[in-house]
Amino acid sequence: MKNFVYALIVLLAIVHQDIWWWDNKELILGFMPLGLFYHALFSCMAAGVWALAIKWAWPSDIEAWAEETYVESNDNQGGEK
C-alpha cells in the first residue's frame, strides 16, 4: 500500500499544475471561480491522501522507537515529586 500512497502523491503533484483553467471565468455555485473551486477540491484530495499516508505508510517502527526512548528517559530521571 505504500507504493499506492507514493503514486497518489506524485499524481497530486502533477494535477496541482492546473494550467488548463487559468483563463476560465466560469463561476461555480454562482460565486466561486472555477480555478479556486479546483484548488478547494485539490486541498480536500491532499488531506485524504495524507490520511491514507498516515494509515498505510507511516513508519510505525520509528514511532515505537521514539516512544520507547521517551519512556526510558523518564524512568532514568529518578526521584519522587
N, C-alpha and C. Protein backbone atom coordinates (compact mmCIF):
# COMPACT_ATOMS: atom_id res chain seq x y z
N MET A 1 0.81 -1.20 0.00
CA MET A 1 0.00 0.00 0.00
C MET A 1 0.86 1.27 0.00
N LYS A 2 2.10 1.16 0.48
CA LYS A 2 2.96 2.34 0.48
C LYS A 2 3.17 2.86 -0.93
N ASN A 3 3.38 1.94 -1.87
CA ASN A 3 3.59 2.36 -3.26
C ASN A 3 2.37 3.07 -3.82
N PHE A 4 1.18 2.62 -3.42
CA PHE A 4 -0.05 3.28 -3.86
C PHE A 4 -0.11 4.71 -3.33
N VAL A 5 0.24 4.89 -2.08
CA VAL A 5 0.26 6.23 -1.48
C VAL A 5 1.30 7.11 -2.18
N TYR A 6 2.47 6.55 -2.45
CA TYR A 6 3.50 7.31 -3.14
C TYR A 6 3.03 7.72 -4.54
N ALA A 7 2.34 6.81 -5.22
CA ALA A 7 1.80 7.13 -6.55
C ALA A 7 0.76 8.24 -6.47
N LEU A 8 -0.07 8.22 -5.43
CA LEU A 8 -1.06 9.29 -5.26
C LEU A 8 -0.38 10.63 -5.01
N ILE A 9 0.71 10.63 -4.27
CA ILE A 9 1.43 11.87 -4.01
C ILE A 9 2.01 12.43 -5.31
N VAL A 10 2.57 11.56 -6.14
CA VAL A 10 3.09 12.01 -7.43
C VAL A 10 1.95 12.53 -8.30
N LEU A 11 0.82 11.83 -8.30
CA LEU A 11 -0.34 12.28 -9.07
C LEU A 11 -0.82 13.65 -8.60
N LEU A 12 -0.86 13.86 -7.29
CA LEU A 12 -1.26 15.17 -6.77
C LEU A 12 -0.29 16.26 -7.21
N ALA A 13 0.99 15.95 -7.23
CA ALA A 13 1.97 16.94 -7.67
C ALA A 13 1.76 17.31 -9.14
N ILE A 14 1.35 16.34 -9.93
CA ILE A 14 1.12 16.60 -11.36
C ILE A 14 -0.16 17.40 -11.56
N VAL A 15 -1.26 16.99 -10.93
CA VAL A 15 -2.54 17.68 -11.17
C VAL A 15 -2.61 19.03 -10.46
N HIS A 16 -1.68 19.31 -9.56
CA HIS A 16 -1.66 20.62 -8.91
C HIS A 16 -1.38 21.73 -9.91
N GLN A 17 -0.68 21.41 -10.98
CA GLN A 17 -0.37 22.40 -12.01
C GLN A 17 -1.58 22.53 -12.93
N ASP A 18 -2.52 23.37 -12.57
CA ASP A 18 -3.80 23.47 -13.28
C ASP A 18 -3.78 24.55 -14.36
N ILE A 19 -2.87 24.46 -15.28
CA ILE A 19 -2.75 25.48 -16.33
C ILE A 19 -3.97 25.51 -17.25
N TRP A 20 -4.78 24.48 -17.22
CA TRP A 20 -5.92 24.41 -18.13
C TRP A 20 -7.08 25.30 -17.69
N TRP A 21 -7.14 25.81 -16.48
CA TRP A 21 -8.26 26.63 -16.02
C TRP A 21 -7.87 28.05 -15.65
N TRP A 22 -6.70 28.50 -16.02
CA TRP A 22 -6.26 29.84 -15.64
C TRP A 22 -7.14 30.93 -16.25
N ASP A 23 -7.56 30.76 -17.49
CA ASP A 23 -8.33 31.79 -18.19
C ASP A 23 -9.83 31.56 -18.15
N ASN A 24 -10.29 30.54 -17.46
CA ASN A 24 -11.72 30.23 -17.38
C ASN A 24 -12.39 31.16 -16.37
N LYS A 25 -13.42 31.87 -16.80
CA LYS A 25 -14.11 32.82 -15.93
C LYS A 25 -15.44 32.27 -15.41
N GLU A 26 -15.69 30.98 -15.62
CA GLU A 26 -16.94 30.37 -15.16
C GLU A 26 -17.00 30.38 -13.63
N LEU A 27 -18.20 30.65 -13.10
CA LEU A 27 -18.40 30.65 -11.65
C LEU A 27 -19.11 29.36 -11.23
N ILE A 28 -18.62 28.75 -10.19
CA ILE A 28 -19.24 27.55 -9.62
C ILE A 28 -20.11 28.00 -8.45
N LEU A 29 -21.33 27.49 -8.39
CA LEU A 29 -22.30 27.86 -7.36
C LEU A 29 -22.60 29.36 -7.38
N GLY A 30 -22.34 29.98 -8.51
CA GLY A 30 -22.68 31.38 -8.70
C GLY A 30 -21.71 32.39 -8.12
N PHE A 31 -20.66 31.96 -7.41
CA PHE A 31 -19.76 32.94 -6.79
C PHE A 31 -18.28 32.55 -6.81
N MET A 32 -17.98 31.29 -7.01
CA MET A 32 -16.58 30.85 -6.88
C MET A 32 -15.98 30.57 -8.25
N PRO A 33 -14.88 31.23 -8.58
CA PRO A 33 -14.22 30.95 -9.86
C PRO A 33 -13.79 29.48 -9.94
N LEU A 34 -13.81 28.96 -11.15
CA LEU A 34 -13.51 27.54 -11.36
C LEU A 34 -12.13 27.17 -10.83
N GLY A 35 -11.13 28.02 -11.05
CA GLY A 35 -9.78 27.73 -10.56
C GLY A 35 -9.71 27.62 -9.04
N LEU A 36 -10.43 28.50 -8.35
CA LEU A 36 -10.46 28.45 -6.89
C LEU A 36 -11.20 27.21 -6.40
N PHE A 37 -12.29 26.87 -7.08
CA PHE A 37 -13.04 25.66 -6.74
C PHE A 37 -12.16 24.42 -6.91
N TYR A 38 -11.40 24.40 -8.01
CA TYR A 38 -10.48 23.29 -8.26
C TYR A 38 -9.47 23.16 -7.12
N HIS A 39 -8.93 24.29 -6.67
CA HIS A 39 -7.94 24.23 -5.59
C HIS A 39 -8.57 23.84 -4.26
N ALA A 40 -9.83 24.19 -4.06
CA ALA A 40 -10.53 23.75 -2.84
C ALA A 40 -10.67 22.23 -2.87
N LEU A 41 -11.07 21.68 -4.02
CA LEU A 41 -11.16 20.22 -4.14
C LEU A 41 -9.78 19.57 -4.02
N PHE A 42 -8.79 20.21 -4.60
CA PHE A 42 -7.42 19.69 -4.52
C PHE A 42 -6.97 19.61 -3.06
N SER A 43 -7.30 20.61 -2.27
CA SER A 43 -6.94 20.61 -0.85
C SER A 43 -7.60 19.45 -0.11
N CYS A 44 -8.86 19.18 -0.44
CA CYS A 44 -9.56 18.04 0.17
C CYS A 44 -8.91 16.72 -0.26
N MET A 45 -8.53 16.62 -1.53
CA MET A 45 -7.84 15.42 -2.01
C MET A 45 -6.50 15.24 -1.30
N ALA A 46 -5.76 16.33 -1.13
CA ALA A 46 -4.46 16.25 -0.44
C ALA A 46 -4.64 15.80 1.00
N ALA A 47 -5.69 16.28 1.66
CA ALA A 47 -5.95 15.85 3.04
C ALA A 47 -6.29 14.36 3.07
N GLY A 48 -7.04 13.89 2.09
CA GLY A 48 -7.37 12.46 2.02
C GLY A 48 -6.14 11.60 1.79
N VAL A 49 -5.26 12.05 0.89
CA VAL A 49 -4.03 11.30 0.63
C VAL A 49 -3.15 11.30 1.88
N TRP A 50 -3.10 12.41 2.61
CA TRP A 50 -2.32 12.46 3.84
C TRP A 50 -2.88 11.48 4.86
N ALA A 51 -4.21 11.38 4.95
CA ALA A 51 -4.82 10.42 5.88
C ALA A 51 -4.44 8.99 5.48
N LEU A 52 -4.44 8.69 4.18
CA LEU A 52 -4.03 7.36 3.72
C LEU A 52 -2.55 7.12 4.03
N ALA A 53 -1.73 8.15 3.87
CA ALA A 53 -0.30 8.01 4.17
C ALA A 53 -0.09 7.69 5.65
N ILE A 54 -0.85 8.34 6.51
CA ILE A 54 -0.72 8.06 7.94
C ILE A 54 -1.16 6.64 8.25
N LYS A 55 -2.22 6.19 7.60
CA LYS A 55 -2.76 4.86 7.87
C LYS A 55 -1.86 3.75 7.31
N TRP A 56 -1.38 3.92 6.08
CA TRP A 56 -0.69 2.82 5.41
C TRP A 56 0.82 3.00 5.27
N ALA A 57 1.34 4.20 5.32
CA ALA A 57 2.77 4.39 5.04
C ALA A 57 3.53 5.00 6.21
N TRP A 58 2.89 5.18 7.33
CA TRP A 58 3.56 5.78 8.49
C TRP A 58 4.58 4.79 9.05
N PRO A 59 5.80 5.21 9.33
CA PRO A 59 6.83 4.30 9.85
C PRO A 59 6.59 3.98 11.33
N SER A 60 5.78 2.98 11.60
CA SER A 60 5.41 2.65 12.98
C SER A 60 6.61 2.17 13.80
N ASP A 61 7.62 1.58 13.15
CA ASP A 61 8.79 1.13 13.90
C ASP A 61 9.57 2.32 14.47
N ILE A 62 9.65 3.41 13.73
CA ILE A 62 10.32 4.61 14.24
C ILE A 62 9.50 5.24 15.36
N GLU A 63 8.18 5.22 15.22
CA GLU A 63 7.32 5.77 16.27
C GLU A 63 7.46 4.95 17.55
N ALA A 64 7.52 3.62 17.43
CA ALA A 64 7.69 2.77 18.60
C ALA A 64 9.04 3.02 19.26
N TRP A 65 10.09 3.21 18.45
CA TRP A 65 11.41 3.51 18.98
C TRP A 65 11.40 4.84 19.74
N ALA A 66 10.73 5.85 19.19
CA ALA A 66 10.67 7.16 19.84
C ALA A 66 9.92 7.08 21.17
N GLU A 67 8.83 6.34 21.20
CA GLU A 67 8.07 6.20 22.44
C GLU A 67 8.88 5.44 23.49
N GLU A 68 9.61 4.41 23.05
CA GLU A 68 10.44 3.63 23.97
C GLU A 68 11.55 4.51 24.55
N THR A 69 12.17 5.32 23.73
CA THR A 69 13.23 6.22 24.19
C THR A 69 12.67 7.23 25.18
N TYR A 70 11.47 7.73 24.92
CA TYR A 70 10.84 8.71 25.82
C TYR A 70 10.56 8.09 27.19
N VAL A 71 10.05 6.86 27.20
CA VAL A 71 9.75 6.18 28.47
C VAL A 71 11.04 5.92 29.23
N GLU A 72 12.10 5.48 28.54
CA GLU A 72 13.38 5.22 29.19
C GLU A 72 13.96 6.50 29.79
N SER A 73 13.86 7.61 29.08
CA SER A 73 14.43 8.86 29.60
C SER A 73 13.65 9.34 30.83
N ASN A 74 12.36 9.10 30.87
CA ASN A 74 11.58 9.47 32.05
C ASN A 74 11.87 8.55 33.23
N ASP A 75 12.15 7.28 32.96
CA ASP A 75 12.48 6.33 34.03
C ASP A 75 13.83 6.65 34.66
N ASN A 76 14.76 7.19 33.88
CA ASN A 76 16.11 7.46 34.38
C ASN A 76 16.21 8.75 35.18
N GLN A 77 15.18 9.55 35.24
CA GLN A 77 15.25 10.81 35.97
C GLN A 77 15.23 10.59 37.47
N GLY A 78 14.56 9.56 37.92
CA GLY A 78 14.56 9.20 39.34
C GLY A 78 13.92 10.24 40.23
N GLY A 79 13.82 9.89 41.52
CA GLY A 79 13.24 10.81 42.49
C GLY A 79 11.73 10.86 42.41
N GLU A 80 11.17 11.35 43.47
CA GLU A 80 9.72 11.50 43.51
C GLU A 80 9.38 12.96 43.68
N LYS A 81 8.24 13.33 43.23
CA LYS A 81 7.80 14.72 43.34
C LYS A 81 6.90 14.89 44.51
